[in-house]
Amino acid sequence: MSNVTLHIGGRSFIVACAEGEEDHVAGLGRMIDGKLAAMGDMSGQNEARMLLFAALLLADEVHEAQIRAPAAAAAAPADLADRLDTIAARLENLADSLESGPVSP
């Protein structure tokens, strides 16, 4: 385990994470801090409420991305699988011809 210090909303938080995940967790912390900064002055709110608002904004972004993902997948060409099969067959033929090398006279 490793520890990462996150700076969110003017405060520091030490959180544990798996080895090698430090940069990822730090980036997530920056996202949360960015959401708090974008909300402007929330001086009348306590820390828990500010973090709740940031979490809600991030959850809304995830929700919107999930809605858009199926629409993007549906926009793929209907014959995509056939086209990929054709490309795979061509690549296999090229690989076979490269493996056989030049023909000796």
Protein backbone atom coordinates (compact mmCIF):
# COMPACT_ATOMS: atom_id res chain seq x y z
CA MET A 1 0.00 0.00 0.00
CA SER A 2 1.01 3.54 -0.62
CA ASN A 3 -0.19 6.90 0.66
CA VAL A 4 -1.09 9.94 -1.43
CA THR A 5 -1.75 13.44 -0.16
CA LEU A 6 -4.68 15.08 -1.91
CA HIS A 7 -5.24 18.84 -1.79
CA ILE A 8 -8.97 19.43 -2.09
CA GLY A 9 -10.81 22.60 -1.25
CA GLY A 10 -7.82 24.11 0.50
CA ARG A 11 -7.39 21.08 2.77
CA SER A 12 -5.01 18.14 2.67
CA PHE A 13 -6.15 14.55 2.89
CA ILE A 14 -3.92 11.50 3.10
CA VAL A 15 -5.43 8.46 1.42
CA ALA A 16 -4.11 4.94 0.92
CA CYS A 17 -3.94 3.35 -2.51
CA ALA A 18 -2.34 0.38 -4.23
CA GLU A 19 1.28 0.61 -5.30
CA GLY A 20 1.52 2.20 -8.74
CA GLU A 21 -1.86 3.94 -8.44
CA GLU A 22 -0.51 7.11 -6.83
CA ASP A 23 -0.65 9.28 -9.98
CA HIS A 24 -4.14 8.08 -10.83
CA VAL A 25 -5.48 8.80 -7.33
CA ALA A 26 -3.75 12.20 -7.31
CA GLY A 27 -5.44 12.99 -10.65
CA LEU A 28 -8.82 12.04 -9.22
CA GLY A 29 -8.17 14.37 -6.30
CA ARG A 30 -7.37 17.19 -8.73
CA MET A 31 -10.68 16.53 -10.51
CA ILE A 32 -12.58 16.86 -7.24
CA ASP A 33 -10.68 20.01 -6.34
CA GLY A 34 -11.44 21.42 -9.77
CA LYS A 35 -15.16 20.80 -9.29
CA LEU A 36 -15.05 22.58 -5.95
CA ALA A 37 -13.19 25.51 -7.50
CA ALA A 38 -15.72 25.70 -10.35
CA MET A 39 -18.60 25.95 -7.87
CA GLY A 40 -17.29 29.31 -6.69
CA ASP A 41 -17.72 30.71 -3.22
CA MET A 42 -19.32 28.18 -0.92
CA SER A 43 -18.13 29.84 2.27
CA GLY A 44 -21.40 29.12 4.07
CA GLN A 45 -21.11 25.37 3.50
CA ASN A 46 -19.31 22.83 5.64
CA GLU A 47 -16.66 20.50 4.23
CA ALA A 48 -18.94 17.48 3.92
CA ARG A 49 -21.55 19.45 2.00
CA MET A 50 -18.95 20.90 -0.40
CA LEU A 51 -17.56 17.42 -1.11
CA LEU A 52 -21.11 16.14 -1.60
CA PHE A 53 -21.75 18.81 -4.25
CA ALA A 54 -18.47 17.96 -6.01
CA ALA A 55 -19.36 14.25 -5.95
CA LEU A 56 -22.81 14.98 -7.39
CA LEU A 57 -21.31 17.00 -10.24
CA LEU A 58 -18.84 14.21 -11.04
CA ALA A 59 -21.58 11.56 -10.81
CA ASP A 60 -23.68 13.62 -13.24
CA GLU A 61 -20.77 13.66 -15.72
CA VAL A 62 -20.42 9.88 -15.44
CA HIS A 63 -24.17 9.47 -15.94
CA GLU A 64 -24.11 11.64 -19.08
CA ALA A 65 -21.14 9.66 -20.45
CA GLN A 66 -23.01 6.40 -19.87
CA ILE A 67 -26.01 7.73 -21.77
CA ARG A 68 -23.82 8.84 -24.70
CA ALA A 69 -21.83 5.56 -24.87
CA PRO A 70 -24.66 3.32 -26.20
CA ALA A 71 -25.60 6.00 -28.73
CA ALA A 72 -22.01 6.11 -29.99
CA ALA A 73 -21.89 2.32 -30.23
CA ALA A 74 -25.15 2.29 -32.20
CA ALA A 75 -23.65 4.77 -34.65
CA ALA A 76 -21.03 2.20 -35.75
CA PRO A 77 -21.52 0.85 -39.28
CA ALA A 78 -23.83 -2.17 -39.41
CA ASP A 79 -21.28 -4.13 -41.44
CA LEU A 80 -18.40 -3.40 -39.05
CA ALA A 81 -17.94 -7.07 -38.06
CA ASP A 82 -17.78 -8.14 -41.72
CA ARG A 83 -15.30 -5.39 -42.52
CA LEU A 84 -13.09 -6.43 -39.60
CA ASP A 85 -13.22 -10.07 -40.75
CA THR A 86 -12.12 -9.01 -44.24
CA ILE A 87 -9.23 -6.99 -42.84
CA ALA A 88 -8.19 -9.90 -40.60
CA ALA A 89 -8.20 -12.27 -43.58
CA ARG A 90 -6.05 -9.87 -45.61
CA LEU A 91 -3.59 -9.53 -42.73
CA GLU A 92 -3.37 -13.32 -42.41
CA ASN A 93 -2.70 -13.64 -46.16
CA LEU A 94 0.03 -11.01 -45.95
CA ALA A 95 1.59 -12.74 -42.94
CA ASP A 96 1.53 -16.08 -44.78
CA SER A 97 3.22 -14.59 -47.83
CA LEU A 98 5.89 -12.90 -45.69
CA GLU A 99 6.56 -16.12 -43.80
CA SER A 100 6.99 -18.15 -46.98
CA GLY A 101 9.62 -15.69 -48.20
CA PRO A 102 10.80 -15.28 -51.78
CA VAL A 103 10.47 -18.29 -54.03
CA SER A 104 13.82 -19.76 -55.16
CA PRO A 105 14.23 -20.49 -58.89
